[in-house]
């Protein structure tokens, strides 16, 4: 049974990832399973109408549909929507490099909003790529484009990498 996030955008299910599977398989395999519908998409993808669309080693693409529900008081899509999509792409680019037994978390991120995101612009795409992967720190960069390839936002992120056992304490 698929859950429709927006017309033309659906996921198999929503929920949190089983940490034992993440610990066993590592990030890339887990993201591939999410994309295949074998593992759940995060619950916020239902709230914010975006989901994972492509996965590779150190690279991900999300797609989403900004809507009227995401507007700020002036009638453009709230920067928080854009920042959330960007943080997802930036973080998952790092996640796609984690090994079995590793986890990650965002330490800081910066987003530059270069054009307004509008609720009637249709599908948008956010590509995230790894820039550097060390033992405990990784950096990534991402770009949000409209369906015509026009840049809407870009950003960078730093993530900490740590033993996944730290999440179960």
N, C-alpha and C. Protein backbone atom coordinates (compact mmCIF):
# COMPACT_ATOMS: atom_id res chain seq x y z
N UNK A 1 0.84 -1.18 0.00
CA UNK A 1 0.00 0.00 0.00
C UNK A 1 0.88 1.24 0.00
N UNK A 2 0.73 2.10 -0.98
CA UNK A 2 1.51 3.33 -1.05
C UNK A 2 0.77 4.47 -0.36
N UNK A 3 1.55 5.38 0.20
CA UNK A 3 1.01 6.59 0.81
C UNK A 3 1.30 7.74 -0.14
N UNK A 4 0.25 8.39 -0.62
CA UNK A 4 0.43 9.50 -1.55
C UNK A 4 0.76 10.76 -0.76
N UNK A 5 1.93 11.33 -1.03
CA UNK A 5 2.35 12.57 -0.38
C UNK A 5 1.78 13.77 -1.11
N UNK A 6 1.69 13.64 -2.41
CA UNK A 6 1.21 14.68 -3.32
C UNK A 6 0.89 13.96 -4.63
N UNK A 7 -0.04 14.43 -5.42
CA UNK A 7 -0.29 13.73 -6.69
C UNK A 7 1.02 13.51 -7.47
N UNK A 8 1.30 12.26 -7.76
CA UNK A 8 2.53 11.90 -8.47
C UNK A 8 3.72 11.66 -7.56
N UNK A 9 3.54 11.75 -6.24
CA UNK A 9 4.63 11.56 -5.29
C UNK A 9 4.13 10.67 -4.15
N UNK A 10 4.67 9.45 -4.08
CA UNK A 10 4.21 8.54 -3.03
C UNK A 10 5.39 7.76 -2.46
N UNK A 11 5.18 7.19 -1.28
CA UNK A 11 6.16 6.33 -0.62
C UNK A 11 5.44 5.07 -0.17
N UNK A 12 6.18 4.00 0.06
CA UNK A 12 5.57 2.74 0.47
C UNK A 12 5.01 2.84 1.89
N UNK A 13 5.76 3.49 2.79
CA UNK A 13 5.32 3.65 4.17
C UNK A 13 6.17 4.73 4.83
N UNK A 14 5.72 5.19 5.99
CA UNK A 14 6.49 6.17 6.75
C UNK A 14 6.76 5.62 8.14
N UNK A 15 7.85 6.07 8.73
CA UNK A 15 8.24 5.64 10.07
C UNK A 15 9.72 5.92 10.28
N UNK A 16 10.24 5.43 11.36
CA UNK A 16 11.67 5.60 11.63
C UNK A 16 12.40 4.31 11.25
N UNK A 17 13.68 4.46 11.00
CA UNK A 17 14.48 3.31 10.58
C UNK A 17 14.81 2.42 11.78
N UNK A 18 14.78 1.11 11.59
CA UNK A 18 15.25 0.21 12.65
C UNK A 18 16.77 0.34 12.78
N UNK A 19 17.23 0.75 13.96
CA UNK A 19 18.66 1.01 14.15
C UNK A 19 19.50 -0.25 13.98
N UNK A 20 18.95 -1.42 14.27
CA UNK A 20 19.73 -2.64 14.08
C UNK A 20 20.02 -2.87 12.60
N UNK A 21 19.10 -2.49 11.72
CA UNK A 21 19.32 -2.62 10.27
C UNK A 21 20.36 -1.61 9.81
N UNK A 22 20.27 -0.38 10.31
CA UNK A 22 21.26 0.64 9.96
C UNK A 22 22.64 0.19 10.44
N UNK A 23 22.72 -0.32 11.66
CA UNK A 23 23.99 -0.78 12.22
C UNK A 23 24.57 -1.92 11.39
N UNK A 24 23.72 -2.80 10.91
CA UNK A 24 24.18 -3.96 10.15
C UNK A 24 24.57 -3.61 8.72
N UNK A 25 23.79 -2.73 8.06
CA UNK A 25 23.94 -2.53 6.62
C UNK A 25 24.73 -1.30 6.21
N UNK A 26 24.79 -0.27 7.04
CA UNK A 26 25.43 0.98 6.63
C UNK A 26 24.48 1.85 5.81
N UNK A 27 24.86 3.11 5.63
CA UNK A 27 23.99 4.11 5.05
C UNK A 27 23.55 3.89 3.62
N UNK A 28 24.47 3.56 2.73
CA UNK A 28 24.10 3.43 1.32
C UNK A 28 23.06 2.33 1.12
N UNK A 29 23.29 1.18 1.72
CA UNK A 29 22.34 0.07 1.58
C UNK A 29 20.98 0.42 2.18
N UNK A 30 20.97 1.12 3.30
CA UNK A 30 19.71 1.53 3.94
C UNK A 30 18.97 2.52 3.06
N UNK A 31 19.67 3.51 2.52
CA UNK A 31 19.01 4.48 1.63
C UNK A 31 18.47 3.81 0.37
N UNK A 32 19.20 2.85 -0.16
CA UNK A 32 18.70 2.11 -1.33
C UNK A 32 17.44 1.34 -0.97
N UNK A 33 17.39 0.76 0.22
CA UNK A 33 16.19 0.04 0.67
C UNK A 33 15.02 1.00 0.89
N UNK A 34 15.31 2.19 1.38
CA UNK A 34 14.25 3.21 1.52
C UNK A 34 13.69 3.56 0.15
N UNK A 35 14.57 3.79 -0.79
CA UNK A 35 14.16 4.15 -2.15
C UNK A 35 13.32 3.04 -2.78
N UNK A 36 13.67 1.79 -2.50
CA UNK A 36 12.94 0.65 -3.04
C UNK A 36 11.63 0.38 -2.30
N UNK A 37 11.37 1.12 -1.22
CA UNK A 37 10.14 0.91 -0.45
C UNK A 37 10.23 -0.21 0.55
N UNK A 38 11.43 -0.73 0.79
CA UNK A 38 11.63 -1.82 1.74
C UNK A 38 11.79 -1.31 3.16
N UNK A 39 12.18 -0.06 3.31
CA UNK A 39 12.27 0.61 4.61
C UNK A 39 11.47 1.90 4.53
N UNK A 40 10.99 2.39 5.67
CA UNK A 40 10.09 3.55 5.64
C UNK A 40 10.79 4.87 5.32
N UNK A 41 10.02 5.76 4.70
CA UNK A 41 10.43 7.15 4.57
C UNK A 41 10.15 7.83 5.91
N UNK A 42 10.88 8.89 6.25
CA UNK A 42 10.62 9.55 7.53
C UNK A 42 9.23 10.20 7.55
N UNK A 43 8.59 10.24 8.73
CA UNK A 43 7.26 10.83 8.82
C UNK A 43 7.16 12.26 8.29
N UNK A 44 8.24 13.04 8.39
CA UNK A 44 8.16 14.43 7.91
C UNK A 44 7.99 14.51 6.40
N UNK A 45 8.34 13.46 5.67
CA UNK A 45 8.14 13.51 4.22
C UNK A 45 6.65 13.60 3.89
N UNK A 46 5.82 13.03 4.74
CA UNK A 46 4.37 13.13 4.54
C UNK A 46 3.89 14.54 4.85
N UNK A 47 4.42 15.14 5.89
CA UNK A 47 4.03 16.50 6.29
C UNK A 47 4.48 17.54 5.28
N UNK A 48 5.70 17.37 4.73
CA UNK A 48 6.30 18.40 3.89
C UNK A 48 6.32 18.07 2.40
N UNK A 49 5.73 16.95 1.98
CA UNK A 49 5.61 16.59 0.56
C UNK A 49 6.95 16.47 -0.16
N UNK A 50 7.91 15.77 0.43
CA UNK A 50 9.14 15.50 -0.30
C UNK A 50 9.67 14.13 0.08
N UNK A 51 10.44 13.55 -0.84
CA UNK A 51 10.97 12.21 -0.59
C UNK A 51 12.24 11.96 -1.39
N UNK A 52 12.93 10.93 -1.03
CA UNK A 52 14.14 10.49 -1.71
C UNK A 52 13.79 10.03 -3.12
N UNK A 53 14.60 10.43 -4.09
CA UNK A 53 14.34 10.07 -5.50
C UNK A 53 15.50 9.30 -6.13
N UNK A 54 16.73 9.56 -5.68
CA UNK A 54 17.92 8.87 -6.22
C UNK A 54 18.94 8.70 -5.10
N UNK A 55 19.73 7.64 -5.19
CA UNK A 55 20.77 7.37 -4.20
C UNK A 55 21.99 6.80 -4.90
N UNK A 56 23.16 7.28 -4.51
CA UNK A 56 24.43 6.74 -4.97
C UNK A 56 25.46 6.91 -3.87
N UNK A 57 26.65 6.45 -4.10
CA UNK A 57 27.72 6.61 -3.12
C UNK A 57 28.01 8.09 -2.92
N UNK A 58 27.67 8.61 -1.74
CA UNK A 58 27.93 10.02 -1.43
C UNK A 58 27.08 11.01 -2.20
N UNK A 59 25.97 10.57 -2.78
CA UNK A 59 25.10 11.45 -3.57
C UNK A 59 23.65 11.01 -3.43
N UNK A 60 22.76 11.99 -3.25
CA UNK A 60 21.33 11.72 -3.18
C UNK A 60 20.58 12.83 -3.91
N UNK A 61 19.36 12.54 -4.31
CA UNK A 61 18.45 13.54 -4.86
C UNK A 61 17.11 13.36 -4.18
N UNK A 62 16.55 14.45 -3.70
CA UNK A 62 15.20 14.48 -3.17
C UNK A 62 14.33 15.24 -4.15
N UNK A 63 13.04 14.90 -4.19
CA UNK A 63 12.09 15.69 -4.96
C UNK A 63 10.92 16.02 -4.05
N UNK A 64 10.32 17.17 -4.31
CA UNK A 64 9.21 17.59 -3.47
C UNK A 64 8.30 18.55 -4.17
N UNK A 65 7.15 18.77 -3.54
CA UNK A 65 6.14 19.68 -4.06
C UNK A 65 5.79 20.69 -2.97
N UNK A 66 6.29 21.92 -3.07
CA UNK A 66 5.85 22.95 -2.12
C UNK A 66 4.39 23.31 -2.42
N UNK A 67 3.60 23.50 -1.36
CA UNK A 67 2.17 23.79 -1.53
C UNK A 67 1.74 24.99 -0.69
N UNK A 68 0.47 25.30 -0.77
CA UNK A 68 -0.12 26.38 0.02
C UNK A 68 0.09 26.17 1.52
N UNK A 69 0.15 24.91 1.96
CA UNK A 69 0.35 24.63 3.39
C UNK A 69 1.73 25.04 3.89
N UNK A 70 2.65 25.35 2.99
CA UNK A 70 4.02 25.69 3.37
C UNK A 70 4.31 27.18 3.30
N UNK A 71 3.28 28.00 3.16
CA UNK A 71 3.48 29.44 2.96
C UNK A 71 3.84 30.18 4.24
N UNK A 72 4.64 31.23 4.06
CA UNK A 72 4.89 32.18 5.14
C UNK A 72 3.83 33.28 5.06
N UNK A 73 3.84 34.27 5.94
CA UNK A 73 2.79 35.30 5.92
C UNK A 73 2.75 36.14 4.63
N UNK A 74 3.85 36.20 3.88
CA UNK A 74 3.87 37.02 2.67
C UNK A 74 3.50 36.24 1.41
N UNK A 75 3.22 34.94 1.55
CA UNK A 75 2.74 34.17 0.41
C UNK A 75 3.78 33.41 -0.38
N UNK A 76 5.02 33.34 0.10
CA UNK A 76 6.01 32.47 -0.53
C UNK A 76 6.24 31.28 0.40
N UNK A 77 6.83 30.23 -0.13
CA UNK A 77 7.08 29.05 0.70
C UNK A 77 8.10 29.42 1.78
N UNK A 78 7.78 29.05 2.99
CA UNK A 78 8.62 29.37 4.14
C UNK A 78 10.03 28.82 3.95
N UNK A 79 11.02 29.60 4.35
CA UNK A 79 12.41 29.17 4.25
C UNK A 79 12.69 27.89 5.02
N UNK A 80 11.89 27.61 6.04
CA UNK A 80 12.06 26.38 6.80
C UNK A 80 11.78 25.14 5.97
N UNK A 81 10.84 25.25 5.02
CA UNK A 81 10.57 24.12 4.12
C UNK A 81 11.82 23.85 3.28
N UNK A 82 12.35 24.92 2.69
CA UNK A 82 13.56 24.78 1.87
C UNK A 82 14.72 24.26 2.70
N UNK A 83 14.90 24.79 3.90
CA UNK A 83 16.00 24.35 4.76
C UNK A 83 15.86 22.87 5.13
N UNK A 84 14.64 22.41 5.33
CA UNK A 84 14.44 21.00 5.69
C UNK A 84 14.78 20.08 4.52
N UNK A 85 14.34 20.44 3.33
CA UNK A 85 14.69 19.64 2.15
C UNK A 85 16.21 19.65 1.96
N UNK A 86 16.82 20.82 2.12
CA UNK A 86 18.27 20.93 1.96
C UNK A 86 19.00 20.09 3.02
N UNK A 87 18.58 20.19 4.29
CA UNK A 87 19.22 19.42 5.36
C UNK A 87 19.09 17.93 5.09
N UNK A 88 17.97 17.51 4.54
CA UNK A 88 17.78 16.09 4.21
C UNK A 88 18.77 15.65 3.15
N UNK A 89 18.91 16.41 2.08
CA UNK A 89 19.85 16.06 1.02
C UNK A 89 21.29 16.13 1.50
N UNK A 90 21.61 17.17 2.24
CA UNK A 90 22.97 17.33 2.76
C UNK A 90 23.33 16.19 3.71
N UNK A 91 22.43 15.89 4.65
CA UNK A 91 22.70 14.83 5.61
C UNK A 91 22.73 13.45 4.98
N UNK A 92 21.80 13.19 4.05
CA UNK A 92 21.77 11.86 3.44
C UNK A 92 22.94 11.62 2.50
N UNK A 93 23.53 12.68 1.94
CA UNK A 93 24.76 12.51 1.17
C UNK A 93 25.85 11.96 2.08
N UNK A 94 25.89 12.45 3.31
CA UNK A 94 26.84 11.91 4.30
C UNK A 94 26.42 10.51 4.72
N UNK A 95 25.12 10.32 4.99
CA UNK A 95 24.60 9.00 5.40
C UNK A 95 24.98 7.93 4.37
N UNK A 96 24.97 8.30 3.11
CA UNK A 96 25.30 7.35 2.03
C UNK A 96 26.76 6.90 2.07
N UNK A 97 27.58 7.51 2.92
CA UNK A 97 28.98 7.09 3.06
C UNK A 97 29.24 6.35 4.36
N UNK A 98 28.24 6.27 5.24
CA UNK A 98 28.50 5.62 6.53
C UNK A 98 28.59 4.11 6.38
N UNK A 99 29.47 3.54 7.17
CA UNK A 99 29.73 2.10 7.17
C UNK A 99 28.83 1.42 8.19
N UNK A 100 28.70 0.10 8.11
CA UNK A 100 27.98 -0.60 9.17
C UNK A 100 28.56 -0.22 10.54
N UNK A 101 27.67 0.04 11.50
CA UNK A 101 28.09 0.44 12.84
C UNK A 101 28.23 1.93 13.03
N UNK A 102 28.11 2.71 11.95
CA UNK A 102 28.25 4.18 12.06
C UNK A 102 26.89 4.86 11.95
N UNK A 103 26.80 6.01 12.62
CA UNK A 103 25.65 6.90 12.51
C UNK A 103 26.19 8.30 12.24
N UNK A 104 25.30 9.24 12.01
CA UNK A 104 25.71 10.62 11.72
C UNK A 104 24.66 11.57 12.29
N UNK A 105 25.05 12.80 12.45
CA UNK A 105 24.11 13.86 12.80
C UNK A 105 24.64 15.19 12.30
N UNK A 106 23.73 16.09 11.97
CA UNK A 106 24.11 17.42 11.53
C UNK A 106 24.70 18.20 12.70
N UNK A 107 25.85 18.83 12.45
CA UNK A 107 26.48 19.71 13.43
C UNK A 107 26.11 21.16 13.12
N UNK A 108 26.19 21.51 11.84
CA UNK A 108 25.77 22.85 11.40
C UNK A 108 25.47 22.81 9.92
N UNK A 109 24.61 23.73 9.48
CA UNK A 109 24.39 23.87 8.04
C UNK A 109 24.04 25.30 7.69
N UNK A 110 24.32 25.63 6.45
CA UNK A 110 24.08 26.98 5.93
C UNK A 110 23.34 26.84 4.62
N UNK A 111 22.28 27.62 4.50
CA UNK A 111 21.47 27.61 3.29
C UNK A 111 21.39 29.03 2.75
N UNK A 112 21.61 29.18 1.46
CA UNK A 112 21.44 30.45 0.77
C UNK A 112 20.19 30.35 -0.09
N UNK A 113 19.20 31.18 0.19
CA UNK A 113 17.96 31.20 -0.57
C UNK A 113 18.13 32.26 -1.65
N UNK A 114 18.23 31.84 -2.90
CA UNK A 114 18.55 32.79 -3.97
C UNK A 114 17.34 33.22 -4.80
N UNK A 115 16.25 32.45 -4.74
CA UNK A 115 14.99 32.80 -5.41
C UNK A 115 13.85 32.32 -4.54
N UNK A 116 12.71 32.98 -4.62
CA UNK A 116 11.58 32.49 -3.83
C UNK A 116 11.07 31.15 -4.35
N UNK A 117 10.67 30.31 -3.42
CA UNK A 117 10.00 29.06 -3.75
C UNK A 117 8.51 29.36 -3.64
N UNK A 118 7.77 29.01 -4.68
CA UNK A 118 6.35 29.35 -4.76
C UNK A 118 5.50 28.08 -4.77
N UNK A 119 4.30 28.14 -4.22
CA UNK A 119 3.48 26.94 -4.12
C UNK A 119 2.97 26.41 -5.45
N UNK A 120 2.99 27.22 -6.50
CA UNK A 120 2.48 26.77 -7.79
C UNK A 120 3.58 26.40 -8.78
N UNK A 121 4.83 26.29 -8.30
CA UNK A 121 5.94 26.03 -9.22
C UNK A 121 6.10 24.55 -9.55
N UNK A 122 5.36 23.69 -8.90
CA UNK A 122 5.45 22.27 -9.20
C UNK A 122 6.62 21.62 -8.49
N UNK A 123 7.07 20.52 -9.07
CA UNK A 123 8.10 19.70 -8.46
C UNK A 123 9.45 20.43 -8.44
N UNK A 124 10.15 20.29 -7.31
CA UNK A 124 11.51 20.80 -7.18
C UNK A 124 12.43 19.64 -6.83
N UNK A 125 13.72 19.81 -7.10
CA UNK A 125 14.71 18.76 -6.90
C UNK A 125 15.88 19.29 -6.10
N UNK A 126 16.35 18.50 -5.16
CA UNK A 126 17.50 18.89 -4.35
C UNK A 126 18.54 17.78 -4.39
N UNK A 127 19.69 18.11 -4.96
CA UNK A 127 20.80 17.16 -5.04
C UNK A 127 21.82 17.48 -3.96
N UNK A 128 22.21 16.46 -3.21
CA UNK A 128 23.25 16.59 -2.21
C UNK A 128 24.43 15.70 -2.55
N UNK A 129 25.65 16.22 -2.34
CA UNK A 129 26.87 15.46 -2.63
C UNK A 129 27.87 15.62 -1.50
N UNK A 130 28.61 14.56 -1.26
CA UNK A 130 29.67 14.60 -0.26
C UNK A 130 30.82 15.46 -0.79
N UNK A 131 31.40 16.27 0.04
CA UNK A 131 32.59 17.05 -0.30
C UNK A 131 33.82 16.40 0.33
N UNK A 132 33.70 16.03 1.61
CA UNK A 132 34.82 15.42 2.33
C UNK A 132 34.26 14.44 3.36
N UNK A 133 34.88 13.27 3.45
CA UNK A 133 34.48 12.28 4.44
C UNK A 133 35.72 11.87 5.21
N UNK A 134 35.77 12.29 6.47
CA UNK A 134 36.85 11.86 7.35
C UNK A 134 36.36 10.78 8.30
N UNK A 135 37.14 10.52 9.33
CA UNK A 135 36.77 9.47 10.29
C UNK A 135 35.61 9.91 11.18
N UNK A 136 35.59 11.19 11.59
CA UNK A 136 34.54 11.66 12.51
C UNK A 136 33.77 12.87 12.00
N UNK A 137 34.21 13.48 10.92
CA UNK A 137 33.56 14.68 10.36
C UNK A 137 33.41 14.49 8.86
N UNK A 138 32.26 14.93 8.35
CA UNK A 138 32.03 14.93 6.89
C UNK A 138 31.36 16.23 6.51
N UNK A 139 31.64 16.70 5.30
CA UNK A 139 30.97 17.89 4.78
C UNK A 139 30.30 17.56 3.46
N UNK A 140 29.23 18.29 3.20
CA UNK A 140 28.46 18.05 1.97
C UNK A 140 27.96 19.39 1.44
N UNK A 141 27.50 19.36 0.18
CA UNK A 141 26.92 20.54 -0.45
C UNK A 141 25.67 20.10 -1.21
N UNK A 142 24.74 21.05 -1.40
CA UNK A 142 23.48 20.71 -2.08
C UNK A 142 22.95 21.92 -2.83
N UNK A 143 22.09 21.61 -3.81
CA UNK A 143 21.46 22.63 -4.65
C UNK A 143 20.00 22.27 -4.84
N UNK A 144 19.12 23.24 -4.68
CA UNK A 144 17.69 23.06 -4.93
C UNK A 144 17.34 23.77 -6.22
N UNK A 145 16.73 23.02 -7.17
CA UNK A 145 16.36 23.57 -8.48
C UNK A 145 14.87 23.36 -8.73
N UNK A 146 14.29 24.23 -9.55
CA UNK A 146 12.93 23.99 -10.01
C UNK A 146 12.97 23.00 -11.17
N UNK A 147 11.81 22.67 -11.70
CA UNK A 147 11.75 21.65 -12.76
C UNK A 147 12.43 22.09 -14.06
N UNK A 148 12.69 23.40 -14.21
CA UNK A 148 13.39 23.91 -15.39
C UNK A 148 14.89 24.06 -15.16
N UNK A 149 15.35 23.66 -13.98
CA UNK A 149 16.78 23.74 -13.68
C UNK A 149 17.22 25.06 -13.07
N UNK A 150 16.30 25.95 -12.78
CA UNK A 150 16.65 27.25 -12.19
C UNK A 150 17.01 27.05 -10.71
N UNK A 151 18.16 27.61 -10.31
CA UNK A 151 18.63 27.47 -8.94
C UNK A 151 17.74 28.27 -7.99
N UNK A 152 17.27 27.62 -6.93
CA UNK A 152 16.45 28.26 -5.91
C UNK A 152 17.21 28.48 -4.61
N UNK A 153 18.09 27.53 -4.28
CA UNK A 153 18.87 27.61 -3.04
C UNK A 153 20.09 26.69 -3.17
N UNK A 154 21.10 27.00 -2.36
CA UNK A 154 22.28 26.13 -2.27
C UNK A 154 22.79 26.20 -0.85
N UNK A 155 23.56 25.19 -0.45
CA UNK A 155 24.04 25.19 0.92
C UNK A 155 25.11 24.16 1.18
N UNK A 156 25.61 24.21 2.41
CA UNK A 156 26.64 23.28 2.86
C UNK A 156 26.29 22.78 4.25
N UNK A 157 26.91 21.66 4.62
CA UNK A 157 26.63 21.08 5.93
C UNK A 157 27.85 20.36 6.46
N UNK A 158 27.98 20.34 7.77
CA UNK A 158 28.98 19.54 8.47
C UNK A 158 28.24 18.55 9.34
N UNK A 159 28.64 17.29 9.26
CA UNK A 159 28.04 16.23 10.07
C UNK A 159 29.11 15.55 10.91
N UNK A 160 28.72 15.15 12.10
CA UNK A 160 29.57 14.31 12.94
C UNK A 160 29.24 12.85 12.62
N UNK A 161 30.26 12.02 12.62
CA UNK A 161 30.10 10.58 12.41
C UNK A 161 30.56 9.89 13.69
N UNK A 162 29.74 8.96 14.17
CA UNK A 162 30.01 8.36 15.47
C UNK A 162 29.46 6.93 15.49
N UNK A 163 29.84 6.13 16.49
CA UNK A 163 29.31 4.76 16.59
C UNK A 163 27.79 4.79 16.82
N UNK A 164 27.07 3.99 16.08
CA UNK A 164 25.61 3.97 16.19
C UNK A 164 25.16 3.54 17.59
N UNK A 165 26.00 2.82 18.30
CA UNK A 165 25.66 2.42 19.67
C UNK A 165 25.39 3.63 20.55
N UNK A 166 25.95 4.80 20.22
CA UNK A 166 25.69 6.00 21.01
C UNK A 166 24.22 6.42 20.96
N UNK A 167 23.47 5.98 19.95
CA UNK A 167 22.05 6.34 19.84
C UNK A 167 21.17 5.49 20.75
N UNK A 168 21.68 4.40 21.25
CA UNK A 168 20.87 3.49 22.06
C UNK A 168 21.14 3.63 23.54
N UNK A 169 21.91 4.61 23.95
CA UNK A 169 22.22 4.79 25.37
C UNK A 169 21.11 5.50 26.09
